[in-house]
Each structure stands twice: as C-alpha cells, then as structure tokens.
Amino acid sequence: MSYKTIISAKDLMKNLSNDNFIIFDCRCDISDSSYGIDAYNEGHIENSIFVDIDHDLASEKTVDTGRHPLPDPQLISEKLSQWGMTNNKQAVIYDDAGGAFAGRMWWILKWLGHSDVAVLDGALGAWMSGGGKLTSKETIFERGIFEPSLNDSMHVSIKDVEDAQYKMNKLIIDARSKERYLGIKDPVDPIAGHIPGAVSHPLGKNLDKNGHFKSPEELRHNFIKLLGDTASSDIISMCGSGITACHNILALEISGIKGVSLFVGSWSEWITDKSRPIAKIDE
C-alpha cells in the first residue's frame, strides 16, 4: 500500500523496519533557526533524517523573491540521493506543528515527481501518544539514486497572481493567521495586510482539536463553503513565504480537491514591489 497524502502513526509504526520507507524530520521554528536540528538531536523517530526548511527546502532569497524560493531541483535531488531516497520509496515526513512544515517537503517531493509521499497525521504528538519512541541515535543511510521529474505546473508566478486577484473565476487562499491576513500585526514580514481579493483560510482550520487532519468529508464541506464552484485549477494557495500554504494544498487534496497551485513567493514576494496593492482591515 502506498500513502500519498497522510499516514497514521499506527501505520508508520508497522513499517518502521520497512526498507521501502524513508522518514524525514522537518521540525522548524521560524523564530529560532537552530530549533529543528536541536530537537532532532535530542530525540527523533528511529531512522529519520533531518531536513532543514531554510537550507534544504529553499534557495537563497533575493531582492525580488519571497523568503523561501524553491530549491534548485538538482541540488535537492542530490541531497535526497545522499540521504538514501530513491524513486521507488515511500516517503514519510513529520514535524511537531500539525504538518505546517512537513507539508512543504510533501509538496517539494510532489513537485519533483514523487507521488508516494505522506505527512504523519497528528505530527510527533500522535507518534508519542500512540506509544512511539524517540531515539538520539545517529541515522545511518546508504546512498540512493533519486531522479527528479519536475512538474512546474504546480506553482504560479507573481504575474499569474497579479492577474488573478480581481478575476471572478480565480481564487487566492491565504493560510496565514487571521491577524496577519487582516494586517493587525505581522511578526514575520515588514509590511502587514493581504493581497486584495484573497480569502483567509488559516491552516489550523484543517485540523481537529487533537491536531489531526479533519475527515475528508469535513474538509471538503469547509472548503466548498469557501471555494464555491471555483475549479481547482483556478485556485492559488499562498501564505507568508510558501511554507504553510502547502498545508492547505495537502488538506484540499485529502478532501478530493486536487490540482491547486502554490504561489511560492507568497506575501513576502508580493511586498517586494511597493506598487502592488495591499488590503488591510481598516480600509
């Protein structure tokens, strides 16, 4: 059986010794760059490999990009090969934030042409509450061969977003907190607000009170209220810098709504040009 969206802690436990499974740890704290690796070194799921959101899953920011541009596909594919990844393995990704960061690697692997990739449902909390253990033992891996097959139709350019913002048949979904969307306060980016026409759907709405993804039926019900009859190919997912927007894309896919595009640069790219319009709560 292959997993293409999420996997339960119970199913991961059953496959912990499965040579066809490869596990990645994407823990991250945007306010503390060392948090992820420190947490990993303190304790991680056995045989998991730490992947850094900033350095592995993004390239260097420039003056006109968002904070997390896409990584060079050949470079990230080489890293995956070094970690033991192959085109035939089932990839599982976890974090300790409900999938907020793991979703980025899920999307990256899909973009690289790998379909058998899933996020750990309920994150590390579900692993621990289900009886899973952590280890500080170093993960030893043999080099694999991962060949990318890029699907650049999965993301859109800033021009596409500029064209979409006022079109009735297009919809931009913003995964940031309501506070950031409304422009009340932005602790991350220097300018607060949102793209005119974008609608708010904070990623927390995808999860239940225990941090698990809601059922496909409930997710679909909630999204349809937001999306109406907008075709999935006309939906663009965004956030601050293309990280948590992937969580909404994952949730949409779980609900059966597939083919939603990512605006990689997101808000942090939008505000690089002062001529672009900005909407706030007081306007």
C-alpha atoms as a PDB file:
ATOM      1  CA  MET A   1       0.000   0.000   0.000  1.00  0.00           C
ATOM      2  CA  SER A   2       1.244   3.472  -0.811  1.00  0.00           C
ATOM      3  CA  TYR A   3       0.421   6.698   1.022  1.00  0.00           C
ATOM      4  CA  LYS A   4       0.004   9.886  -0.989  1.00  0.00           C
ATOM      5  CA  THR A   5      -1.404  12.441   1.480  1.00  0.00           C
ATOM      6  CA  ILE A   6      -1.206  11.427   5.147  1.00  0.00           C
ATOM      7  CA  ILE A   7      -0.259   8.345   7.151  1.00  0.00           C
ATOM      8  CA  SER A   8      -1.322   7.430  10.689  1.00  0.00           C
ATOM      9  CA  ALA A   9       1.204   6.906  13.464  1.00  0.00           C
ATOM     10  CA  LYS A  10      -0.080   3.333  13.767  1.00  0.00           C
ATOM     11  CA  ASP A  11       0.676   2.583  10.109  1.00  0.00           C
ATOM     12  CA  LEU A  12       4.111   4.187  10.361  1.00  0.00           C
ATOM     13  CA  MET A  13       4.925   2.075  13.413  1.00  0.00           C
ATOM     14  CA  LYS A  14       4.048  -1.053  11.451  1.00  0.00           C
ATOM     15  CA  ASN A  15       6.519  -0.024   8.749  1.00  0.00           C
ATOM     16  CA  LEU A  16       9.355   1.303  10.883  1.00  0.00           C
ATOM     17  CA  SER A  17      11.618  -1.527   9.733  1.00  0.00           C
ATOM     18  CA  ASN A  18      10.344  -1.484   6.156  1.00  0.00           C
ATOM     19  CA  ASP A  19      13.325  -0.853   3.865  1.00  0.00           C
ATOM     20  CA  ASN A  20      10.974   0.722   1.341  1.00  0.00           C
ATOM     21  CA  PHE A  21      10.080   3.518   3.788  1.00  0.00           C
ATOM     22  CA  ILE A  22      12.205   6.621   4.296  1.00  0.00           C
ATOM     23  CA  ILE A  23      11.359   9.091   7.060  1.00  0.00           C
ATOM     24  CA  PHE A  24      12.160  12.804   7.175  1.00  0.00           C
ATOM     25  CA  ASP A  25      12.049  15.140  10.171  1.00  0.00           C
ATOM     26  CA  CYS A  26      11.075  18.707   9.213  1.00  0.00           C
ATOM     27  CA  ARG A  27      10.731  20.324  12.614  1.00  0.00           C
ATOM     28  CA  CYS A  28      11.198  24.069  12.447  1.00  0.00           C
ATOM     29  CA  ASP A  29      10.658  27.310  14.343  1.00  0.00           C
ATOM     30  CA  ILE A  30      10.747  30.414  12.169  1.00  0.00           C
ATOM     31  CA  SER A  31      11.955  32.489  15.128  1.00  0.00           C
ATOM     32  CA  ASP A  32      14.757  30.072  16.084  1.00  0.00           C
ATOM     33  CA  SER A  33      16.876  28.716  13.229  1.00  0.00           C
ATOM     34  CA  SER A  34      18.554  26.078  15.390  1.00  0.00           C
ATOM     35  CA  TYR A  35      15.360  24.674  16.882  1.00  0.00           C
ATOM     36  CA  GLY A  36      14.826  21.942  14.289  1.00  0.00           C
ATOM     37  CA  ILE A  37      18.267  20.365  14.413  1.00  0.00           C
ATOM     38  CA  ASP A  38      18.463  20.750  18.192  1.00  0.00           C
ATOM     39  CA  ALA A  39      15.119  18.990  18.620  1.00  0.00           C
ATOM     40  CA  TYR A  40      16.187  16.275  16.190  1.00  0.00           C
ATOM     41  CA  ASN A  41      19.452  15.660  18.039  1.00  0.00           C
ATOM     42  CA  GLU A  42      17.601  15.474  21.336  1.00  0.00           C
ATOM     43  CA  GLY A  43      15.237  12.820  20.024  1.00  0.00           C
ATOM     44  CA  HIS A  44      13.749  11.721  16.706  1.00  0.00           C
ATOM     45  CA  ILE A  45      11.822   8.842  15.183  1.00  0.00           C
ATOM     46  CA  GLU A  46      14.180   5.961  14.536  1.00  0.00           C
ATOM     47  CA  ASN A  47      15.956   6.085  11.153  1.00  0.00           C
ATOM     48  CA  SER A  48      14.565   9.512  10.343  1.00  0.00           C
ATOM     49  CA  ILE A  49      16.672  12.120   8.540  1.00  0.00           C
ATOM     50  CA  PHE A  50      16.639  15.794   9.460  1.00  0.00           C
ATOM     51  CA  VAL A  51      15.749  18.201   6.636  1.00  0.00           C
ATOM     52  CA  ASP A  52      16.191  21.927   7.163  1.00  0.00           C
ATOM     53  CA  ILE A  53      13.326  24.057   5.868  1.00  0.00           C
ATOM     54  CA  ASP A  54      15.550  27.081   5.242  1.00  0.00           C
ATOM     55  CA  HIS A  55      18.650  25.425   3.816  1.00  0.00           C
ATOM     56  CA  ASP A  56      17.409  22.207   2.189  1.00  0.00           C
ATOM     57  CA  LEU A  57      13.891  23.062   1.036  1.00  0.00           C
ATOM     58  CA  ALA A  58      14.581  26.604  -0.167  1.00  0.00           C
ATOM     59  CA  SER A  59      17.238  28.542  -2.044  1.00  0.00           C
ATOM     60  CA  GLU A  60      18.745  31.906  -1.166  1.00  0.00           C
ATOM     61  CA  LYS A  61      16.350  34.834  -1.027  1.00  0.00           C
ATOM     62  CA  THR A  62      16.980  37.693  -3.459  1.00  0.00           C
ATOM     63  CA  VAL A  63      15.625  41.241  -3.513  1.00  0.00           C
ATOM     64  CA  ASP A  64      12.569  40.304  -5.569  1.00  0.00           C
ATOM     65  CA  THR A  65      11.712  36.840  -4.253  1.00  0.00           C
ATOM     66  CA  GLY A  66       9.896  35.671  -1.174  1.00  0.00           C
ATOM     67  CA  ARG A  67      11.721  34.407   1.899  1.00  0.00           C
ATOM     68  CA  HIS A  68      11.761  30.776   0.733  1.00  0.00           C
ATOM     69  CA  PRO A  69      12.280  30.407  -3.040  1.00  0.00           C
ATOM     70  CA  LEU A  70      12.177  26.866  -4.387  1.00  0.00           C
ATOM     71  CA  PRO A  71      15.397  24.892  -4.010  1.00  0.00           C
ATOM     72  CA  ASP A  72      17.471  24.074  -7.058  1.00  0.00           C
ATOM     73  CA  PRO A  73      15.908  20.781  -8.220  1.00  0.00           C
ATOM     74  CA  GLN A  74      19.223  19.127  -8.985  1.00  0.00           C
ATOM     75  CA  LEU A  75      20.699  20.175  -5.663  1.00  0.00           C
ATOM     76  CA  ILE A  76      17.782  18.916  -3.565  1.00  0.00           C
ATOM     77  CA  SER A  77      17.647  15.719  -5.650  1.00  0.00           C
ATOM     78  CA  GLU A  78      21.336  15.136  -4.928  1.00  0.00           C
ATOM     79  CA  LYS A  79      20.699  15.633  -1.218  1.00  0.00           C
ATOM     80  CA  LEU A  80      17.792  13.181  -1.389  1.00  0.00           C
ATOM     81  CA  SER A  81      20.070  10.657  -3.092  1.00  0.00           C
ATOM     82  CA  GLN A  82      22.687  11.144  -0.364  1.00  0.00           C
ATOM     83  CA  TRP A  83      20.019  10.529   2.268  1.00  0.00           C
ATOM     84  CA  GLY A  84      19.095   7.218   0.620  1.00  0.00           C
ATOM     85  CA  MET A  85      15.993   8.325  -1.253  1.00  0.00           C
ATOM     86  CA  THR A  86      15.003   6.544  -4.458  1.00  0.00           C
ATOM     87  CA  ASN A  87      12.106   6.963  -6.870  1.00  0.00           C
ATOM     88  CA  ASN A  88      10.521   3.785  -5.514  1.00  0.00           C
ATOM     89  CA  LYS A  89      10.484   4.550  -1.796  1.00  0.00           C
ATOM     90  CA  GLN A  90       7.554   5.590   0.343  1.00  0.00           C
ATOM     91  CA  ALA A  91       8.492   8.924   1.905  1.00  0.00           C
ATOM     92  CA  VAL A  92       7.005   9.932   5.257  1.00  0.00           C
ATOM     93  CA  ILE A  93       7.506  13.405   6.689  1.00  0.00           C
ATOM     94  CA  TYR A  94       6.791  14.674  10.180  1.00  0.00           C
ATOM     95  CA  ASP A  95       7.136  17.767  12.316  1.00  0.00           C
ATOM     96  CA  ASP A  96       5.726  18.847  15.670  1.00  0.00           C
ATOM     97  CA  ALA A  97       3.451  21.564  14.284  1.00  0.00           C
ATOM     98  CA  GLY A  98       0.491  19.700  12.835  1.00  0.00           C
ATOM     99  CA  GLY A  99       2.185  19.310   9.456  1.00  0.00           C
ATOM    100  CA  ALA A 100       2.734  23.051   8.964  1.00  0.00           C
ATOM    101  CA  PHE A 101       6.345  22.457   7.918  1.00  0.00           C
ATOM    102  CA  ALA A 102       6.162  18.830   6.799  1.00  0.00           C
ATOM    103  CA  GLY A 103       3.663  19.966   4.173  1.00  0.00           C
ATOM    104  CA  ARG A 104       6.422  21.919   2.402  1.00  0.00           C
ATOM    105  CA  MET A 105       8.524  18.796   1.876  1.00  0.00           C
ATOM    106  CA  TRP A 106       5.414  16.845   0.853  1.00  0.00           C
ATOM    107  CA  TRP A 107       4.831  19.489  -1.842  1.00  0.00           C
ATOM    108  CA  ILE A 108       8.515  19.614  -2.856  1.00  0.00           C
ATOM    109  CA  LEU A 109       8.611  15.851  -3.429  1.00  0.00           C
ATOM    110  CA  LYS A 110       5.398  16.037  -5.481  1.00  0.00           C
ATOM    111  CA  TRP A 111       6.963  18.855  -7.497  1.00  0.00           C
ATOM    112  CA  LEU A 112       9.992  16.630  -8.084  1.00  0.00           C
ATOM    113  CA  GLY A 113       7.698  13.947  -9.479  1.00  0.00           C
ATOM    114  CA  HIS A 114       7.440  11.639  -6.456  1.00  0.00           C
ATOM    115  CA  SER A 115       3.877  10.566  -5.690  1.00  0.00           C
ATOM    116  CA  ASP A 116       4.367   8.160  -2.763  1.00  0.00           C
ATOM    117  CA  VAL A 117       4.857  10.763  -0.062  1.00  0.00           C
ATOM    118  CA  ALA A 118       2.769  11.346   3.054  1.00  0.00           C
ATOM    119  CA  VAL A 119       2.727  13.584   6.119  1.00  0.00           C
ATOM    120  CA  LEU A 120       2.440  11.976   9.558  1.00  0.00           C
ATOM    121  CA  ASP A 121      -1.120  12.723  10.667  1.00  0.00           C
ATOM    122  CA  GLY A 122      -1.204  14.275  14.113  1.00  0.00           C
ATOM    123  CA  ALA A 123       2.514  15.055  13.855  1.00  0.00           C
ATOM    124  CA  LEU A 124       5.002  13.978  16.506  1.00  0.00           C
ATOM    125  CA  GLY A 125       2.335  14.258  19.205  1.00  0.00           C
ATOM    126  CA  ALA A 126       0.355  11.417  17.612  1.00  0.00           C
ATOM    127  CA  TRP A 127       3.516   9.319  17.446  1.00  0.00           C
ATOM    128  CA  MET A 128       4.213   9.818  21.143  1.00  0.00           C
ATOM    129  CA  SER A 129       0.626   9.365  22.320  1.00  0.00           C
ATOM    130  CA  GLY A 130       0.416   6.167  20.274  1.00  0.00           C
ATOM    131  CA  GLY A 131       3.345   4.676  22.136  1.00  0.00           C
ATOM    132  CA  GLY A 132       6.069   5.629  19.684  1.00  0.00           C
ATOM    133  CA  LYS A 133       9.574   6.147  20.989  1.00  0.00           C
ATOM    134  CA  LEU A 134      12.283   8.643  20.093  1.00  0.00           C
ATOM    135  CA  THR A 135      15.996   7.999  19.762  1.00  0.00           C
ATOM    136  CA  SER A 136      19.077  10.205  19.711  1.00  0.00           C
ATOM    137  CA  LYS A 137      20.952   7.542  17.744  1.00  0.00           C
ATOM    138  CA  GLU A 138      22.508   8.737  14.500  1.00  0.00           C
ATOM    139  CA  THR A 139      20.707   7.621  11.351  1.00  0.00           C
ATOM    140  CA  ILE A 140      22.975   5.670   9.016  1.00  0.00           C
ATOM    141  CA  PHE A 141      21.856   5.554   5.390  1.00  0.00           C
ATOM    142  CA  GLU A 142      23.162   4.190   2.135  1.00  0.00           C
ATOM    143  CA  ARG A 143      23.233   6.462  -0.874  1.00  0.00           C
ATOM    144  CA  GLY A 144      20.305   6.022  -3.231  1.00  0.00           C
ATOM    145  CA  ILE A 145      19.509   7.357  -6.679  1.00  0.00           C
ATOM    146  CA  PHE A 146      16.695   9.866  -6.949  1.00  0.00           C
ATOM    147  CA  GLU A 147      15.918  11.193 -10.417  1.00  0.00           C
ATOM    148  CA  PRO A 148      13.627  14.237 -10.494  1.00  0.00           C
ATOM    149  CA  SER A 149      10.808  14.731 -12.974  1.00  0.00           C
ATOM    150  CA  LEU A 150       9.715  18.320 -12.427  1.00  0.00           C
ATOM    151  CA  ASN A 151       6.096  19.394 -12.572  1.00  0.00           C
ATOM    152  CA  ASP A 152       6.283  23.180 -12.806  1.00  0.00           C
ATOM    153  CA  SER A 153       2.543  23.422 -13.429  1.00  0.00           C
ATOM    154  CA  MET A 154       2.171  23.040  -9.649  1.00  0.00           C
ATOM    155  CA  HIS A 155       3.194  26.624  -8.932  1.00  0.00           C
ATOM    156  CA  VAL A 156       2.386  30.066 -10.329  1.00  0.00           C
ATOM    157  CA  SER A 157       4.357  33.252 -10.895  1.00  0.00           C
ATOM    158  CA  ILE A 158       3.817  36.667  -9.357  1.00  0.00           C
ATOM    159  CA  LYS A 159       2.359  37.759 -12.715  1.00  0.00           C
ATOM    160  CA  ASP A 160      -0.234  34.971 -12.509  1.00  0.00           C
ATOM    161  CA  VAL A 161      -1.225  36.207  -9.054  1.00  0.00           C
ATOM    162  CA  GLU A 162      -1.409  39.834 -10.187  1.00  0.00           C
ATOM    163  CA  ASP A 163      -3.715  38.730 -12.991  1.00  0.00           C
ATOM    164  CA  ALA A 164      -5.814  36.534 -10.686  1.00  0.00           C
ATOM    165  CA  GLN A 165      -6.507  38.926  -7.831  1.00  0.00           C
ATOM    166  CA  TYR A 166      -9.565  40.595  -9.338  1.00  0.00           C
ATOM    167  CA  LYS A 167     -10.824  37.826 -11.615  1.00  0.00           C
ATOM    168  CA  MET A 168     -14.173  36.346 -10.626  1.00  0.00           C
ATOM    169  CA  ASN A 169     -13.220  32.836 -11.733  1.00  0.00           C
ATOM    170  CA  LYS A 170      -9.933  32.817  -9.772  1.00  0.00           C
ATOM    171  CA  LEU A 171      -9.448  32.458  -6.034  1.00  0.00           C
ATOM    172  CA  ILE A 172      -6.421  33.096  -3.827  1.00  0.00           C
ATOM    173  CA  ILE A 173      -6.410  31.359  -0.428  1.00  0.00           C
ATOM    174  CA  ASP A 174      -4.189  32.746   2.341  1.00  0.00           C
ATOM    175  CA  ALA A 175      -3.018  30.249   5.006  1.00  0.00           C
ATOM    176  CA  ARG A 176      -1.599  32.824   7.413  1.00  0.00           C
ATOM    177  CA  SER A 177      -3.202  33.639  10.749  1.00  0.00           C
ATOM    178  CA  LYS A 178      -6.243  35.901  10.711  1.00  0.00           C
ATOM    179  CA  GLU A 179      -4.200  38.570  12.499  1.00  0.00           C
ATOM    180  CA  ARG A 180      -1.576  38.650   9.757  1.00  0.00           C
ATOM    181  CA  TYR A 181      -4.167  38.455   6.975  1.00  0.00           C
ATOM    182  CA  LEU A 182      -6.122  41.385   8.388  1.00  0.00           C
ATOM    183  CA  GLY A 183      -2.969  43.439   8.768  1.00  0.00           C
ATOM    184  CA  ILE A 184      -3.442  43.905  12.520  1.00  0.00           C
ATOM    185  CA  LYS A 185       0.107  42.757  13.215  1.00  0.00           C
ATOM    186  CA  ASP A 186       2.777  40.843  11.302  1.00  0.00           C
ATOM    187  CA  PRO A 187       5.627  39.468  13.419  1.00  0.00           C
ATOM    188  CA  VAL A 188       7.375  37.989  10.366  1.00  0.00           C
ATOM    189  CA  ASP A 189       7.158  40.343   7.395  1.00  0.00           C
ATOM    190  CA  PRO A 190       7.849  44.111   7.444  1.00  0.00           C
ATOM    191  CA  ILE A 191       4.505  45.063   5.864  1.00  0.00           C
ATOM    192  CA  ALA A 192       1.139  43.836   7.142  1.00  0.00           C
ATOM    193  CA  GLY A 193      -2.007  43.093   5.175  1.00  0.00           C
ATOM    194  CA  HIS A 194      -3.112  40.815   2.359  1.00  0.00           C
ATOM    195  CA  ILE A 195      -3.482  40.652  -1.397  1.00  0.00           C
ATOM    196  CA  PRO A 196      -6.752  42.306  -2.460  1.00  0.00           C
ATOM    197  CA  GLY A 197      -9.271  39.619  -3.336  1.00  0.00           C
ATOM    198  CA  ALA A 198      -7.519  36.866  -1.353  1.00  0.00           C
ATOM    199  CA  VAL A 199      -9.626  34.956   1.167  1.00  0.00           C
ATOM    200  CA  SER A 200      -8.454  33.788   4.573  1.00  0.00           C
ATOM    201  CA  HIS A 201      -8.177  30.108   5.491  1.00  0.00           C
ATOM    202  CA  PRO A 202      -5.659  29.702   8.348  1.00  0.00           C
ATOM    203  CA  LEU A 203      -4.108  26.244   8.249  1.00  0.00           C
ATOM    204  CA  GLY A 204      -5.392  25.480  11.758  1.00  0.00           C
ATOM    205  CA  LYS A 205      -8.871  25.104  10.264  1.00  0.00           C
ATOM    206  CA  ASN A 206      -7.672  21.891   8.614  1.00  0.00           C
ATOM    207  CA  LEU A 207      -7.051  20.190  11.968  1.00  0.00           C
ATOM    208  CA  ASP A 208      -9.253  18.861  14.749  1.00  0.00           C
ATOM    209  CA  LYS A 209      -8.745  19.575  18.454  1.00  0.00           C
ATOM    210  CA  ASN A 210      -6.161  16.787  18.684  1.00  0.00           C
ATOM    211  CA  GLY A 211      -4.053  18.115  15.822  1.00  0.00           C
ATOM    212  CA  HIS A 212      -5.165  15.505  13.289  1.00  0.00           C
ATOM    213  CA  PHE A 213      -6.469  16.402   9.859  1.00  0.00           C
ATOM    214  CA  LYS A 214     -10.236  16.561   9.799  1.00  0.00           C
ATOM    215  CA  SER A 215     -12.045  13.891   7.809  1.00  0.00           C
ATOM    216  CA  PRO A 216     -12.105  14.218   4.010  1.00  0.00           C
ATOM    217  CA  GLU A 217     -15.838  14.922   4.218  1.00  0.00           C
ATOM    218  CA  GLU A 218     -15.484  17.702   6.788  1.00  0.00           C
ATOM    219  CA  LEU A 219     -12.544  19.262   4.956  1.00  0.00           C
ATOM    220  CA  ARG A 220     -14.462  19.208   1.696  1.00  0.00           C
ATOM    221  CA  HIS A 221     -17.532  20.742   3.331  1.00  0.00           C
ATOM    222  CA  ASN A 222     -15.453  23.581   4.788  1.00  0.00           C
ATOM    223  CA  PHE A 223     -13.559  24.228   1.566  1.00  0.00           C
ATOM    224  CA  ILE A 224     -16.653  24.197  -0.628  1.00  0.00           C
ATOM    225  CA  LYS A 225     -18.137  26.946   1.562  1.00  0.00           C
ATOM    226  CA  LEU A 226     -15.045  28.992   0.783  1.00  0.00           C
ATOM    227  CA  LEU A 227     -14.442  27.987  -2.829  1.00  0.00           C
ATOM    228  CA  GLY A 228     -17.959  27.721  -4.173  1.00  0.00           C
ATOM    229  CA  ASP A 229     -17.792  26.292  -7.686  1.00  0.00           C
ATOM    230  CA  THR A 230     -14.275  27.590  -8.436  1.00  0.00           C
ATOM    231  CA  ALA A 231     -12.343  24.970 -10.390  1.00  0.00           C
ATOM    232  CA  SER A 232      -9.317  23.594  -8.554  1.00  0.00           C
ATOM    233  CA  SER A 233      -7.076  24.716 -11.431  1.00  0.00           C
ATOM    234  CA  ASP A 234      -8.200  28.300 -10.748  1.00  0.00           C
ATOM    235  CA  ILE A 235      -7.256  28.217  -7.050  1.00  0.00           C
ATOM    236  CA  ILE A 236      -3.945  29.600  -5.787  1.00  0.00           C
ATOM    237  CA  SER A 237      -2.632  28.812  -2.297  1.00  0.00           C
ATOM    238  CA  MET A 238      -0.405  31.314  -0.528  1.00  0.00           C
ATOM    239  CA  CYS A 239       0.911  32.219   2.929  1.00  0.00           C
ATOM    240  CA  GLY A 240       3.920  34.215   4.115  1.00  0.00           C
ATOM    241  CA  SER A 241       6.623  32.511   2.083  1.00  0.00           C
ATOM    242  CA  GLY A 242       5.248  29.341   0.503  1.00  0.00           C
ATOM    243  CA  ILE A 243       5.614  27.042   3.514  1.00  0.00           C
ATOM    244  CA  THR A 244       2.261  26.767   5.293  1.00  0.00           C
ATOM    245  CA  ALA A 245       0.368  27.312   2.023  1.00  0.00           C
ATOM    246  CA  CYS A 246       1.335  23.700   1.273  1.00  0.00           C
ATOM    247  CA  HIS A 247      -0.745  22.627   4.287  1.00  0.00           C
ATOM    248  CA  ASN A 248      -3.879  23.962   2.608  1.00  0.00           C
ATOM    249  CA  ILE A 249      -2.930  22.204  -0.642  1.00  0.00           C
ATOM    250  CA  LEU A 250      -2.482  18.948   1.287  1.00  0.00           C
ATOM    251  CA  ALA A 251      -5.816  19.383   3.069  1.00  0.00           C
ATOM    252  CA  LEU A 252      -7.524  20.163  -0.237  1.00  0.00           C
ATOM    253  CA  GLU A 253      -6.057  17.005  -1.743  1.00  0.00           C
ATOM    254  CA  ILE A 254      -7.252  14.938   1.222  1.00  0.00           C
ATOM    255  CA  SER A 255     -10.724  16.357   0.580  1.00  0.00           C
ATOM    256  CA  GLY A 256     -10.545  15.292  -3.070  1.00  0.00           C
ATOM    257  CA  ILE A 257      -9.855  18.761  -4.481  1.00  0.00           C
ATOM    258  CA  LYS A 258      -6.652  18.312  -6.475  1.00  0.00           C
ATOM    259  CA  GLY A 259      -4.526  20.480  -8.721  1.00  0.00           C
ATOM    260  CA  VAL A 260      -4.416  23.653  -6.600  1.00  0.00           C
ATOM    261  CA  SER A 261      -1.356  25.802  -7.394  1.00  0.00           C
ATOM    262  CA  LEU A 262       1.195  27.201  -4.958  1.00  0.00           C
ATOM    263  CA  PHE A 263       2.313  30.822  -5.018  1.00  0.00           C
ATOM    264  CA  VAL A 264       5.831  30.127  -3.799  1.00  0.00           C
ATOM    265  CA  GLY A 265       6.845  33.711  -3.061  1.00  0.00           C
ATOM    266  CA  SER A 266       3.545  34.441  -1.307  1.00  0.00           C
ATOM    267  CA  TRP A 267       3.144  37.581   0.815  1.00  0.00           C
ATOM    268  CA  SER A 268       6.902  38.103   1.279  1.00  0.00           C
ATOM    269  CA  GLU A 269       7.315  38.359  -2.504  1.00  0.00           C
ATOM    270  CA  TRP A 270       4.183  40.433  -3.028  1.00  0.00           C
ATOM    271  CA  ILE A 271       5.515  43.216  -0.801  1.00  0.00           C
ATOM    272  CA  THR A 272       8.892  43.483  -2.579  1.00  0.00           C
ATOM    273  CA  ASP A 273       7.248  45.881  -5.064  1.00  0.00           C
ATOM    274  CA  LYS A 274       5.650  48.881  -3.358  1.00  0.00           C
ATOM    275  CA  SER A 275       3.394  49.490  -6.346  1.00  0.00           C
ATOM    276  CA  ARG A 276       1.416  46.309  -5.651  1.00  0.00           C
ATOM    277  CA  PRO A 277      -1.845  46.982  -3.795  1.00  0.00           C
ATOM    278  CA  ILE A 278      -2.320  45.920  -0.188  1.00  0.00           C
ATOM    279  CA  ALA A 279      -5.576  45.392   1.693  1.00  0.00           C
ATOM    280  CA  LYS A 280      -5.968  45.842   5.464  1.00  0.00           C
ATOM    281  CA  ILE A 281      -8.790  45.621   7.970  1.00  0.00           C
ATOM    282  CA  ASP A 282      -9.042  49.399   8.320  1.00  0.00           C
ATOM    283  CA  GLU A 283      -9.518  50.016   4.604  1.00  0.00           C
END
